[in-house]
Amino acid sequence: HAIRLEGDLTLGGLFPVHARGPAGVPCGPVKKEKGIHRLEAMLYALDRVNGDPRVLPNLTLGARILDTCSRDTYALEQALSFVRSLLPPEGGEGSCPDGSAP
């Protein structure tokens, strides 16, 4: 339930791609209008920005898009997963692409 696009800057997206599932199952059927269409809108916007060198010269936008399954608690878990994926490993300081200190 995730899409990852590489880029110099990563944007997070949380979308209700699926409806709420029955008890014990986080996700149900696909939500075309409120889920897929919004997801496609973000991907389209990223394509347009990344495809025009005048908008962000020498910079590309990436994304990590997660499905909320129309559940607020699941959305919170997904948001935390997104943040954790960008943090350096425990005990490490991380590094910047140009080698400078974070």
Protein backbone atom coordinates (compact mmCIF):
# COMPACT_ATOMS: atom_id res chain seq x y z
CA HIS A 1 0.00 0.00 0.00
CA ALA A 2 2.79 2.42 -0.86
CA ILE A 3 4.33 4.15 -3.85
CA ARG A 4 7.87 5.49 -3.77
CA LEU A 5 9.27 7.87 -6.36
CA GLU A 6 12.89 8.94 -6.02
CA GLY A 7 13.78 12.63 -6.08
CA ASP A 8 15.96 15.28 -4.48
CA LEU A 9 13.07 16.26 -2.21
CA THR A 10 10.50 13.76 -1.00
CA LEU A 11 6.88 14.76 -0.53
CA GLY A 12 4.53 12.64 1.51
CA GLY A 13 1.04 11.79 0.38
CA LEU A 14 -1.70 10.07 2.35
CA PHE A 15 -4.76 9.10 0.32
CA PRO A 16 -7.85 6.97 1.04
CA VAL A 17 -7.20 4.66 -1.93
CA HIS A 18 -9.22 1.91 -0.26
CA ALA A 19 -12.40 2.08 1.79
CA ARG A 20 -12.44 0.98 5.40
CA GLY A 21 -12.30 -2.79 5.65
CA PRO A 22 -14.44 -5.06 7.81
CA ALA A 23 -13.47 -5.73 11.44
CA GLY A 24 -9.92 -7.06 11.65
CA VAL A 25 -9.05 -6.06 8.06
CA PRO A 26 -7.66 -2.55 7.54
CA CYS A 27 -8.59 -2.10 3.88
CA GLY A 28 -11.70 -2.75 1.84
CA PRO A 29 -12.57 -2.06 -1.80
CA VAL A 30 -10.83 0.59 -3.93
CA LYS A 31 -12.27 4.12 -3.76
CA LYS A 32 -12.05 5.42 -7.30
CA GLU A 33 -13.21 9.04 -6.96
CA LYS A 34 -11.91 10.08 -3.56
CA GLY A 35 -8.85 7.86 -3.52
CA ILE A 36 -7.46 6.98 -6.93
CA HIS A 37 -8.33 10.33 -8.51
CA ARG A 38 -6.53 12.27 -5.76
CA LEU A 39 -3.53 9.96 -6.04
CA GLU A 40 -3.44 10.46 -9.80
CA ALA A 41 -3.67 14.24 -9.31
CA MET A 42 -0.55 14.20 -7.13
CA LEU A 43 1.35 12.03 -9.60
CA TYR A 44 0.27 14.32 -12.45
CA ALA A 45 1.44 17.41 -10.54
CA LEU A 46 4.81 15.77 -9.83
CA ASP A 47 5.16 14.89 -13.53
CA ARG A 48 4.40 18.46 -14.57
CA VAL A 49 6.81 20.03 -12.06
CA ASN A 50 9.61 17.57 -12.76
CA GLY A 51 9.05 17.84 -16.52
CA ASP A 52 9.53 21.61 -16.63
CA PRO A 53 13.15 22.64 -15.91
CA ARG A 54 12.04 26.25 -15.36
CA VAL A 55 9.96 25.38 -12.28
CA LEU A 56 12.64 23.76 -10.10
CA PRO A 57 15.93 23.89 -11.99
CA ASN A 58 18.38 21.12 -11.05
CA LEU A 59 15.90 19.67 -8.55
CA THR A 60 13.40 16.83 -8.79
CA LEU A 61 10.48 16.08 -6.55
CA GLY A 62 9.97 12.56 -5.33
CA ALA A 63 7.17 11.11 -3.27
CA ARG A 64 6.22 8.46 -0.79
CA ILE A 65 2.50 7.90 -1.12
CA LEU A 66 0.66 5.76 1.39
CA ASP A 67 -2.88 4.40 1.55
CA THR A 68 -4.91 5.38 4.63
CA CYS A 69 -7.66 2.83 3.94
CA SER A 70 -10.11 5.54 5.11
CA ARG A 71 -9.16 4.94 8.76
CA ASP A 72 -7.79 7.75 10.89
CA THR A 73 -5.75 5.41 13.10
CA TYR A 74 -4.29 3.63 10.07
CA ALA A 75 -3.50 7.02 8.50
CA LEU A 76 -1.58 7.98 11.64
CA GLU A 77 0.40 4.74 11.46
CA GLN A 78 1.19 5.42 7.81
CA ALA A 79 2.27 9.00 8.59
CA LEU A 80 4.61 7.74 11.31
CA SER A 81 5.98 5.14 8.89
CA PHE A 82 6.72 7.94 6.40
CA VAL A 83 8.56 10.02 9.01
CA ARG A 84 10.52 7.03 10.32
CA SER A 85 11.65 6.13 6.79
CA LEU A 86 13.33 9.56 6.51
CA LEU A 87 15.13 9.42 9.86
CA PRO A 88 18.70 8.14 10.12
CA PRO A 89 19.17 4.70 11.68
CA GLU A 90 19.16 4.60 15.46
CA GLY A 91 22.50 5.74 16.83
CA GLY A 92 23.54 7.21 13.48
CA GLU A 93 23.65 10.82 12.51
CA GLY A 94 22.73 10.42 8.88
CA SER A 95 24.31 12.39 6.07
CA CYS A 96 23.40 14.87 3.38
CA PRO A 97 23.84 14.02 -0.31
CA ASP A 98 26.59 16.64 -0.63
CA GLY A 99 28.50 15.20 2.36
CA SER A 100 27.74 18.11 4.71
CA ALA A 101 26.49 17.57 8.26
CA PRO A 102 22.72 17.16 8.63
